[in-house]
């Protein structure tokens, strides 16, 4: 982190209680058990514990420094360590989380690399993954789901000092949270993948969700560019706030004018304001082609060469549990898409399952969370969509899954895996999908083992 200790202290708004080495820290950390030499540990306040309690353990692990709140200031005032003694830095602040966010913003500015901010109801992680692969240069992006008010600053503070571009996924659960993340990331390009009934329990309506996602537009600089769907629905009234706008999807500025799928590869002719190019994507899902168009639009906004993006398409890989394809033997295919679920992503996954051309398709579906009072209706519509798409069997996992009107309803993922083993036949294609709270990754993990022992 190419900032001096004095610059770090200033960005933190900290009182320096102890001085350490003059060289900068390696990264930020919030888990004292994972601290390595060179890390800057932040003692964040949690619901039940104050992370400052573990600052001493971080120092014992040779942390470069620690940041603690007021409750722990007195613990270090009488134990000053000077840099001549080879000790660590100790900073006291009013709010360690706010201090970490402030330092992340300072590091983002010091890097000077362009930032692509990605948000949306569904697809934002996939767009991030695709953009990380397609865009040229050294691209730094969120690991896993580090996309919250804690995860985003941690992601920024992991960025190497030679990063050419930052692709930052931004998640939200309520009003004002995207604005908070955008104030840290200061995006040059803002991608809004779509808007749907995700977190509607907390926000009340899809219109409110659209307004919350659109907060990212207000963080764009005068020369900034927003990337949004050609068919923006509830998002449309907000797009006038964008300094410049690029649309993706059918009829948009970036669209696939031809597309065909063969042997798990999508070949698409993509038309953009910068020209036209054929891409070969290592996936077969139609929704991931839409995600790829959003990522390409971000590249066009950054003036990335279209040909170079096309050449890099083979490098695309997705985060765990997102459409992971597992070959189980006897021609059986498992699509492990259990990272999260909502009505939009569920319908897209079911459509993909039905398109696989398997002799029989089976959907193992868990609850879709945070849908509010309308949850039974959303689940019922997804069950109806599965049958309309041609899915042969629907297994529901957990009591809320009864609203899918499944062919079989089981209590938990373990029972679901056992049922699958008893019912599977050669060539079957299986989709496993539900919200994280449903824990359906256990089905995907248990199934290969159960099949081996069957």
Protein backbone atom coordinates (compact mmCIF):
# COMPACT_ATOMS: atom_id res chain seq x y z
CA UNK A 1 0.00 0.00 0.00
CA UNK A 2 2.02 2.91 -1.32
CA UNK A 3 1.15 5.34 1.48
CA UNK A 4 3.45 6.58 4.22
CA UNK A 5 2.52 6.00 7.86
CA UNK A 6 1.79 9.72 8.15
CA UNK A 7 -0.56 9.56 5.16
CA UNK A 8 -2.25 6.49 6.62
CA UNK A 9 -2.73 8.19 9.97
CA UNK A 10 -4.20 11.24 8.24
CA UNK A 11 -6.58 9.15 6.15
CA UNK A 12 -7.66 7.23 9.23
CA UNK A 13 -8.15 10.42 11.22
CA UNK A 14 -6.18 8.61 13.90
CA UNK A 15 -4.21 9.39 17.01
CA UNK A 16 -0.89 7.56 16.80
CA UNK A 17 -0.30 5.67 20.05
CA UNK A 18 2.75 3.71 18.94
CA UNK A 19 5.11 3.90 15.98
CA UNK A 20 6.47 1.02 13.97
CA UNK A 21 8.30 0.45 10.71
CA UNK A 22 8.46 3.18 8.07
CA UNK A 23 7.60 0.80 5.22
CA UNK A 24 3.89 0.59 4.27
CA UNK A 25 1.51 -2.23 5.22
CA UNK A 26 0.68 -5.11 2.92
CA UNK A 27 -3.12 -5.11 3.20
CA UNK A 28 -5.98 -4.64 5.67
CA UNK A 29 -7.35 -7.46 7.82
CA UNK A 30 -10.26 -7.78 10.23
CA UNK A 31 -9.78 -11.36 11.45
CA UNK A 32 -6.98 -11.55 13.99
CA UNK A 33 -6.58 -15.31 13.41
CA UNK A 34 -5.78 -14.63 9.73
CA UNK A 35 -3.33 -11.77 10.33
CA UNK A 36 0.04 -12.20 8.69
CA UNK A 37 3.21 -10.12 9.07
CA UNK A 38 2.75 -6.80 7.33
CA UNK A 39 -1.04 -6.60 7.74
CA UNK A 40 -2.91 -3.62 9.16
CA UNK A 41 -5.56 -4.99 11.54
CA UNK A 42 -8.83 -3.15 12.10
CA UNK A 43 -10.67 -3.93 15.32
CA UNK A 44 -14.22 -3.53 14.04
CA UNK A 45 -17.14 -3.37 16.42
CA UNK A 46 -19.57 -6.24 15.93
CA UNK A 47 -22.98 -7.04 17.33
CA UNK A 48 -21.53 -9.06 20.21
CA UNK A 49 -17.78 -8.40 20.35
CA UNK A 50 -15.47 -5.46 19.77
CA UNK A 51 -12.63 -6.41 17.46
CA UNK A 52 -10.29 -4.17 19.45
CA UNK A 53 -10.22 -7.01 21.96
CA UNK A 54 -8.08 -8.96 19.49
CA UNK A 55 -5.62 -6.20 18.61
CA UNK A 56 -3.07 -7.67 20.99
CA UNK A 57 -3.26 -11.03 19.22
CA UNK A 58 -2.77 -9.25 15.90
CA UNK A 59 0.36 -7.57 17.23
CA UNK A 60 1.66 -10.92 18.45
CA UNK A 61 1.15 -12.18 14.88
CA UNK A 62 3.52 -9.39 13.75
CA UNK A 63 0.89 -7.13 12.25
CA UNK A 64 2.30 -3.94 10.71
CA UNK A 65 -0.19 -2.10 12.85
CA UNK A 66 -3.60 -2.11 14.49
CA UNK A 67 -6.53 0.30 14.47
CA UNK A 68 -8.68 0.35 17.60
CA UNK A 69 -11.70 2.25 18.84
CA UNK A 70 -11.99 4.45 21.95
CA UNK A 71 -12.69 1.54 24.29
CA UNK A 72 -9.19 0.16 23.69
CA UNK A 73 -7.20 3.38 23.53
CA UNK A 74 -6.11 3.25 27.18
CA UNK A 75 -4.78 -0.29 26.70
CA UNK A 76 -2.04 1.05 24.44
CA UNK A 77 -1.34 4.55 25.77
CA UNK A 78 0.95 3.23 28.50
CA UNK A 79 2.68 0.75 26.20
CA UNK A 80 4.24 2.98 23.58
CA UNK A 81 6.60 1.22 21.19
CA UNK A 82 9.02 3.19 19.03
CA UNK A 83 10.07 2.35 15.51
CA UNK A 84 13.65 2.01 16.77
CA UNK A 85 12.49 -1.03 18.75
CA UNK A 86 11.03 -2.63 15.64
CA UNK A 87 7.46 -2.55 16.91
CA UNK A 88 4.10 -2.04 15.24
CA UNK A 89 1.92 0.97 14.66
CA UNK A 90 -1.06 1.52 16.92
CA UNK A 91 -3.79 3.92 15.79
CA UNK A 92 -6.79 5.02 17.85
CA UNK A 93 -9.92 6.24 16.04
CA UNK A 94 -13.54 6.97 16.88
CA UNK A 95 -14.96 4.40 14.45
CA UNK A 96 -12.64 1.71 13.01
CA UNK A 97 -15.03 0.86 10.15
CA UNK A 98 -15.35 4.48 9.03
CA UNK A 99 -11.57 4.79 9.31
CA UNK A 100 -11.05 1.71 7.13
CA UNK A 101 -13.44 3.11 4.54
CA UNK A 102 -11.62 6.44 4.56
CA UNK A 103 -8.25 4.74 4.10
CA UNK A 104 -9.67 2.67 1.24
CA UNK A 105 -10.82 5.84 -0.52
CA UNK A 106 -7.38 7.40 -0.01
CA UNK A 107 -5.71 4.32 -1.52
CA UNK A 108 -8.14 4.32 -4.45
CA UNK A 109 -7.13 7.93 -5.17
CA UNK A 110 -3.43 7.21 -4.75
CA UNK A 111 -3.66 4.33 -7.24
CA UNK A 112 -5.22 6.60 -9.84
CA UNK A 113 -6.53 3.59 -11.77
CA UNK A 114 -10.00 3.74 -13.37
CA UNK A 115 -12.78 2.11 -11.38
CA UNK A 116 -15.74 0.15 -12.74
CA UNK A 117 -18.49 -0.15 -10.14
CA UNK A 118 -20.94 -3.01 -10.69
CA UNK A 119 -24.32 -3.29 -9.00
CA UNK A 120 -27.73 -4.76 -9.83
CA UNK A 121 -30.33 -7.18 -8.56
CA UNK A 122 -28.81 -10.22 -10.27
CA UNK A 123 -25.70 -10.96 -12.31
CA UNK A 124 -23.35 -8.46 -10.69
CA UNK A 125 -20.84 -11.10 -9.56
CA UNK A 126 -20.87 -12.73 -12.99
CA UNK A 127 -20.42 -9.36 -14.70
CA UNK A 128 -17.50 -8.66 -12.35
CA UNK A 129 -15.96 -12.06 -13.14
CA UNK A 130 -16.38 -11.56 -16.89
CA UNK A 131 -15.05 -7.99 -16.80
CA UNK A 132 -12.02 -9.12 -14.81
CA UNK A 133 -11.23 -11.61 -17.57
CA UNK A 134 -12.04 -9.45 -20.60
CA UNK A 135 -10.56 -6.09 -19.69
CA UNK A 136 -6.85 -5.64 -20.48
CA UNK A 137 -4.08 -4.82 -18.06
CA UNK A 138 -3.72 -5.83 -14.43
CA UNK A 139 -7.30 -5.91 -13.15
CA UNK A 140 -8.08 -6.06 -9.45
CA UNK A 141 -11.57 -7.18 -8.37
CA UNK A 142 -13.45 -8.38 -5.31
CA UNK A 143 -12.69 -11.83 -3.99
CA UNK A 144 -15.78 -13.97 -3.42
CA UNK A 145 -18.52 -11.74 -1.94
CA UNK A 146 -16.40 -8.92 -0.51
CA UNK A 147 -18.91 -6.37 -1.80
CA UNK A 148 -20.37 -4.75 1.33
CA UNK A 149 -19.48 -1.75 3.48
CA UNK A 150 -16.78 -4.00 5.00
CA UNK A 151 -15.85 -6.13 2.00
CA UNK A 152 -15.47 -3.29 -0.49
CA UNK A 153 -12.84 -1.36 1.50
CA UNK A 154 -11.01 -4.61 2.21
CA UNK A 155 -10.98 -5.25 -1.55
CA UNK A 156 -9.58 -1.79 -2.26
CA UNK A 157 -6.91 -2.15 0.41
CA UNK A 158 -5.79 -5.42 -1.21
CA UNK A 159 -5.24 -3.72 -4.56
CA UNK A 160 -1.59 -3.87 -5.69
CA UNK A 161 0.13 -0.58 -6.42
CA UNK A 162 0.53 -1.52 -10.10
CA UNK A 163 -3.18 -2.21 -10.72
CA UNK A 164 -4.32 -0.81 -14.08
CA UNK A 165 -8.04 -1.12 -13.38
CA UNK A 166 -10.36 -1.87 -10.46
CA UNK A 167 -13.63 -3.75 -11.01
CA UNK A 168 -15.65 -3.44 -7.83
CA UNK A 169 -18.90 -5.24 -7.15
CA UNK A 170 -21.25 -3.33 -4.85
CA UNK A 171 -24.10 -4.98 -2.95
CA UNK A 172 -26.89 -3.44 -0.91
CA UNK A 173 -29.74 -4.36 1.37
CA UNK A 174 -31.26 -0.92 1.92
CA UNK A 175 -31.49 2.69 0.86
CA UNK A 176 -28.26 4.69 1.00
CA UNK A 177 -25.91 1.71 0.96
CA UNK A 178 -24.94 1.96 -2.72
CA UNK A 179 -24.30 5.68 -2.19
CA UNK A 180 -22.03 4.78 0.75
CA UNK A 181 -20.06 2.25 -1.31
CA UNK A 182 -19.83 4.55 -4.32
CA UNK A 183 -18.44 7.31 -2.11
CA UNK A 184 -15.60 4.93 -1.22
CA UNK A 185 -15.01 3.47 -4.70
CA UNK A 186 -15.60 6.69 -6.70
CA UNK A 187 -16.38 4.80 -9.94
CA UNK A 188 -15.58 6.19 -13.38
CA UNK A 189 -17.95 3.67 -14.99
CA UNK A 190 -21.10 2.45 -13.24
CA UNK A 191 -22.71 -0.80 -14.43
CA UNK A 192 -26.27 -1.55 -13.32
CA UNK A 193 -27.00 -5.09 -14.47
CA UNK A 194 -30.79 -5.01 -13.92
CA UNK A 195 -33.46 -4.39 -11.29
CA UNK A 196 -35.77 -7.05 -9.88
CA UNK A 197 -37.60 -8.13 -6.71
CA UNK A 198 -34.46 -8.75 -4.65
CA UNK A 199 -34.51 -7.42 -1.05
CA UNK A 200 -38.08 -6.29 -1.69
CA UNK A 201 -38.87 -7.33 1.89
CA UNK A 202 -36.55 -4.56 3.09
CA UNK A 203 -37.28 -1.89 0.47
CA UNK A 204 -40.95 -2.45 -0.18
CA UNK A 205 -41.14 -2.33 -3.99
CA UNK A 206 -39.16 -2.86 -7.18
CA UNK A 207 -39.38 0.90 -7.77
CA UNK A 208 -37.61 1.50 -4.45
CA UNK A 209 -34.97 -1.05 -5.39
CA UNK A 210 -34.38 0.78 -8.68
CA UNK A 211 -33.97 4.08 -6.83
CA UNK A 212 -31.46 2.47 -4.45
CA UNK A 213 -29.40 0.96 -7.28
CA UNK A 214 -29.44 4.28 -9.13
CA UNK A 215 -27.58 5.94 -6.25
CA UNK A 216 -24.38 4.88 -8.00
CA UNK A 217 -25.15 7.31 -10.83
CA UNK A 218 -24.76 10.29 -8.52
CA UNK A 219 -21.16 9.28 -7.73
CA UNK A 220 -20.03 9.44 -11.36
CA UNK A 221 -17.73 12.30 -12.37
CA UNK A 222 -18.64 14.69 -15.18
CA UNK A 223 -16.87 12.44 -17.69
CA UNK A 224 -18.28 9.26 -16.18
CA UNK A 225 -20.35 6.70 -18.05
CA UNK A 226 -23.28 4.58 -16.88
CA UNK A 227 -23.89 1.13 -18.38
CA UNK A 228 -27.52 -0.03 -18.17
CA UNK A 229 -29.85 -2.51 -19.87
CA UNK A 230 -31.53 -1.48 -23.10
CA UNK A 231 -34.81 -2.47 -21.46
CA UNK A 232 -34.31 -0.77 -18.11
CA UNK A 233 -37.90 -1.00 -16.77
CA UNK A 234 -38.17 0.62 -13.32
CA UNK A 235 -34.62 1.94 -13.65
CA UNK A 236 -35.48 4.07 -16.67
CA UNK A 237 -36.63 7.25 -14.86
CA UNK A 238 -33.27 7.48 -13.07
CA UNK A 239 -30.97 7.15 -16.08
CA UNK A 240 -31.27 10.80 -17.05
CA UNK A 241 -28.92 11.50 -14.12
CA UNK A 242 -26.04 9.70 -15.86
CA UNK A 243 -23.47 12.02 -17.48
CA UNK A 244 -23.27 9.59 -20.42
CA UNK A 245 -25.09 6.33 -21.03
CA UNK A 246 -24.29 3.07 -22.81
CA UNK A 247 -27.03 0.46 -23.17
CA UNK A 248 -26.49 -3.29 -23.50
CA UNK A 249 -28.78 -6.02 -24.72
CA UNK A 250 -31.15 -6.31 -27.69
CA UNK A 251 -31.51 -2.93 -29.37
CA UNK A 252 -28.80 -1.38 -27.21
CA UNK A 253 -25.42 0.16 -27.98
CA UNK A 254 -23.75 -3.19 -27.23
CA UNK A 255 -25.73 -6.19 -28.47
CA UNK A 256 -25.26 -9.69 -29.81
CA UNK A 257 -26.51 -9.64 -33.38
CA UNK A 258 -25.82 -13.36 -33.82
CA UNK A 259 -25.35 -16.10 -31.25
CA UNK A 260 -25.14 -19.88 -31.30
CA UNK A 261 -24.23 -22.45 -28.66
CA UNK A 262 -22.31 -25.66 -29.27
CA UNK A 263 -20.50 -27.95 -26.83
CA UNK A 264 -20.71 -25.49 -23.96
CA UNK A 265 -19.36 -22.54 -25.95
CA UNK A 266 -21.37 -19.49 -27.00
CA UNK A 267 -20.20 -17.92 -30.25
CA UNK A 268 -21.59 -14.41 -30.54
CA UNK A 269 -21.12 -11.55 -32.95
CA UNK A 270 -21.14 -8.47 -30.74
CA UNK A 271 -21.87 -5.05 -32.21
CA UNK A 272 -20.66 -1.97 -30.33
CA UNK A 273 -20.05 1.73 -31.03
CA UNK A 274 -16.38 0.76 -31.44
CA UNK A 275 -17.10 -1.86 -34.10
CA UNK A 276 -18.12 -5.50 -34.38
CA UNK A 277 -16.27 -8.61 -33.26
CA UNK A 278 -16.91 -12.33 -32.80
CA UNK A 279 -16.50 -13.62 -29.24
CA UNK A 280 -16.20 -17.24 -28.12
CA UNK A 281 -17.44 -17.46 -24.55
CA UNK A 282 -16.76 -20.57 -22.42
CA UNK A 283 -20.37 -20.86 -21.23
CA UNK A 284 -23.74 -21.84 -22.68
CA UNK A 285 -26.18 -19.88 -20.52
CA UNK A 286 -28.21 -17.16 -22.25
CA UNK A 287 -28.17 -15.00 -19.11
CA UNK A 288 -24.37 -15.07 -19.06
CA UNK A 289 -24.32 -13.75 -22.62
CA UNK A 290 -26.30 -10.77 -21.28
CA UNK A 291 -23.79 -10.44 -18.45
CA UNK A 292 -20.96 -10.53 -20.98
CA UNK A 293 -22.56 -7.71 -22.98
CA UNK A 294 -22.64 -5.59 -19.82
CA UNK A 295 -18.93 -6.29 -19.22
CA UNK A 296 -18.08 -5.51 -22.85
CA UNK A 297 -20.02 -2.25 -22.57
CA UNK A 298 -17.86 -1.34 -19.56
CA UNK A 299 -14.80 -2.04 -21.70
CA UNK A 300 -16.16 0.15 -24.50
CA UNK A 301 -16.73 2.92 -21.94
CA UNK A 302 -13.04 2.62 -20.99
CA UNK A 303 -11.99 2.50 -24.66
CA UNK A 304 -10.55 -0.99 -24.29
CA UNK A 305 -9.71 -2.51 -27.70
CA UNK A 306 -12.58 -4.73 -28.81
CA UNK A 307 -10.27 -7.25 -30.42
CA UNK A 308 -8.25 -7.63 -27.24
CA UNK A 309 -11.41 -8.24 -25.24
CA UNK A 310 -12.47 -10.91 -27.74
CA UNK A 311 -9.06 -12.59 -27.49
CA UNK A 312 -9.36 -12.72 -23.69
CA UNK A 313 -12.84 -14.28 -23.63
CA UNK A 314 -11.43 -17.79 -23.16
CA UNK A 315 -10.09 -16.67 -19.76
CA UNK A 316 -13.56 -16.19 -18.26
CA UNK A 317 -14.18 -18.13 -15.06
CA UNK A 318 -16.92 -17.73 -12.49
CA UNK A 319 -16.91 -17.52 -8.71
CA UNK A 320 -17.78 -20.69 -6.80
CA UNK A 321 -21.41 -21.87 -6.67
CA UNK A 322 -22.40 -19.73 -9.68
CA UNK A 323 -23.40 -22.06 -12.49
CA UNK A 324 -20.61 -24.50 -11.62
CA UNK A 325 -20.92 -27.52 -13.92
CA UNK A 326 -20.03 -30.89 -12.34
CA UNK A 327 -19.83 -34.14 -14.30
CA UNK A 328 -21.04 -36.98 -12.05
CA UNK A 329 -20.47 -39.93 -14.35
CA UNK A 330 -22.95 -41.97 -16.42
CA UNK A 331 -23.63 -38.79 -18.39
CA UNK A 332 -25.18 -37.05 -15.38
CA UNK A 333 -24.55 -33.30 -15.12
CA UNK A 334 -25.03 -31.19 -11.99
CA UNK A 335 -25.34 -27.41 -12.31
CA UNK A 336 -24.38 -25.99 -8.91
CA UNK A 337 -25.90 -22.49 -8.80
CA UNK A 338 -26.66 -22.24 -5.11
CA UNK A 339 -24.86 -19.03 -4.18
CA UNK A 340 -28.13 -17.11 -4.14
CA UNK A 341 -31.58 -17.04 -5.69
CA UNK A 342 -34.36 -14.64 -6.56
CA UNK A 343 -37.22 -14.78 -9.07
CA UNK A 344 -35.12 -13.32 -11.91
CA UNK A 345 -32.07 -15.55 -11.50
CA UNK A 346 -34.22 -18.60 -10.76
CA UNK A 347 -36.11 -18.31 -14.04
CA UNK A 348 -32.85 -17.83 -15.98
CA UNK A 349 -31.30 -20.91 -14.34
CA UNK A 350 -34.38 -23.03 -15.06
CA UNK A 351 -34.36 -21.92 -18.69
CA UNK A 352 -30.72 -22.97 -18.95
CA UNK A 353 -31.47 -26.35 -17.34
CA UNK A 354 -34.25 -26.98 -19.84
CA UNK A 355 -31.96 -26.03 -22.73
CA UNK A 356 -29.33 -28.67 -21.91
CA UNK A 357 -31.12 -31.30 -24.01
CA UNK A 358 -30.90 -33.97 -21.30
CA UNK A 359 -33.32 -36.91 -21.43
CA UNK A 360 -34.57 -35.78 -18.01
CA UNK A 361 -34.12 -32.55 -16.06
CA UNK A 362 -34.42 -32.18 -12.29
CA UNK A 363 -34.52 -28.90 -10.37
CA UNK A 364 -33.65 -29.00 -6.66
CA UNK A 365 -34.92 -25.69 -5.35
CA UNK A 366 -34.55 -24.04 -1.95
CA UNK A 367 -36.14 -20.93 -0.58
CA UNK A 368 -35.72 -17.53 -2.22
CA UNK A 369 -35.16 -15.20 0.73
CA UNK A 370 -36.07 -11.57 1.48
CA UNK A 371 -39.13 -11.44 -0.79
CA UNK A 372 -41.52 -10.08 1.84
CA UNK A 373 -45.25 -10.82 2.04
CA UNK A 374 -45.33 -11.71 -1.65
CA UNK A 375 -42.88 -14.61 -1.18
CA UNK A 376 -45.44 -17.44 -1.64
CA UNK A 377 -46.60 -15.92 -4.93
CA UNK A 378 -43.02 -15.48 -6.21
CA UNK A 379 -42.25 -19.11 -5.34
CA UNK A 380 -45.44 -20.29 -7.01
CA UNK A 381 -44.59 -18.36 -10.20
CA UNK A 382 -41.12 -19.93 -10.31
CA UNK A 383 -42.63 -23.40 -9.93
CA UNK A 384 -45.00 -22.66 -12.81
CA UNK A 385 -42.09 -21.34 -14.88
CA UNK A 386 -40.13 -24.56 -14.29
CA UNK A 387 -42.94 -26.64 -15.74
CA UNK A 388 -43.56 -24.25 -18.62
CA UNK A 389 -39.83 -24.42 -19.46
CA UNK A 390 -40.04 -28.22 -19.64
CA UNK A 391 -38.28 -29.20 -16.38
CA UNK A 392 -39.33 -32.79 -15.64
CA UNK A 393 -39.03 -32.98 -11.85
CA UNK A 394 -39.00 -30.29 -9.16
CA UNK A 395 -37.72 -31.16 -5.70
CA UNK A 396 -38.33 -28.58 -2.96
CA UNK A 397 -36.00 -28.30 0.03
CA UNK A 398 -37.36 -26.81 3.24
CA UNK A 399 -40.87 -25.74 4.17
CA UNK A 400 -40.95 -22.46 2.15
CA UNK A 401 -40.20 -24.54 -0.96
CA UNK A 402 -43.69 -26.07 -0.72
CA UNK A 403 -44.91 -23.02 -2.65
CA UNK A 404 -43.08 -24.26 -5.74
CA UNK A 405 -45.70 -27.06 -5.73
CA UNK A 406 -42.81 -29.53 -6.06
CA UNK A 407 -43.08 -33.16 -7.07
CA UNK A 408 -41.21 -33.98 -3.85
CA UNK A 409 -40.71 -31.86 -0.72
CA UNK A 410 -37.86 -32.75 1.65
CA UNK A 411 -36.80 -31.22 4.93
CA UNK A 412 -33.14 -30.46 4.36
CA UNK A 413 -30.21 -30.66 1.90
CA UNK A 414 -29.06 -34.02 3.24
CA UNK A 415 -32.44 -35.59 2.54
CA UNK A 416 -32.44 -33.95 -0.90
CA UNK A 417 -29.09 -35.56 -1.78
CA UNK A 418 -30.32 -38.99 -0.67
CA UNK A 419 -33.51 -38.58 -2.73
CA UNK A 420 -31.48 -37.64 -5.80
CA UNK A 421 -29.25 -40.69 -5.52
CA UNK A 422 -32.34 -42.90 -5.40
CA UNK A 423 -33.95 -41.22 -8.41
CA UNK A 424 -31.04 -40.41 -10.76
CA UNK A 425 -30.73 -42.07 -14.11
CA UNK A 426 -28.18 -41.97 -16.94
CA UNK A 427 -27.93 -38.61 -18.71
CA UNK A 428 -29.95 -36.66 -16.15
CA UNK A 429 -29.28 -32.93 -15.76
CA UNK A 430 -29.75 -31.43 -12.30
CA UNK A 431 -29.98 -27.82 -11.16
CA UNK A 432 -29.36 -27.02 -7.50
CA UNK A 433 -30.41 -23.48 -6.62
CA UNK A 434 -31.64 -21.49 -3.61
CA UNK A 435 -30.74 -18.56 -1.40
CA UNK A 436 -27.63 -18.92 0.75
CA UNK A 437 -29.81 -19.47 3.81
CA UNK A 438 -31.08 -22.70 2.22
CA UNK A 439 -27.56 -24.21 2.35
CA UNK A 440 -27.98 -26.15 -0.87
CA UNK A 441 -24.24 -26.30 -1.49
CA UNK A 442 -24.46 -29.32 0.84
CA UNK A 443 -26.45 -31.14 -1.86
CA UNK A 444 -23.75 -30.55 -4.46
CA UNK A 445 -21.02 -31.56 -2.02
CA UNK A 446 -22.75 -34.73 -0.78
CA UNK A 447 -24.09 -36.05 -4.09
CA UNK A 448 -20.79 -37.27 -5.64
CA UNK A 449 -19.85 -39.05 -2.40
CA UNK A 450 -23.25 -40.70 -2.07
CA UNK A 451 -23.12 -41.86 -5.68
CA UNK A 452 -19.72 -43.44 -5.15
CA UNK A 453 -20.96 -45.42 -2.15
CA UNK A 454 -24.31 -46.37 -3.68
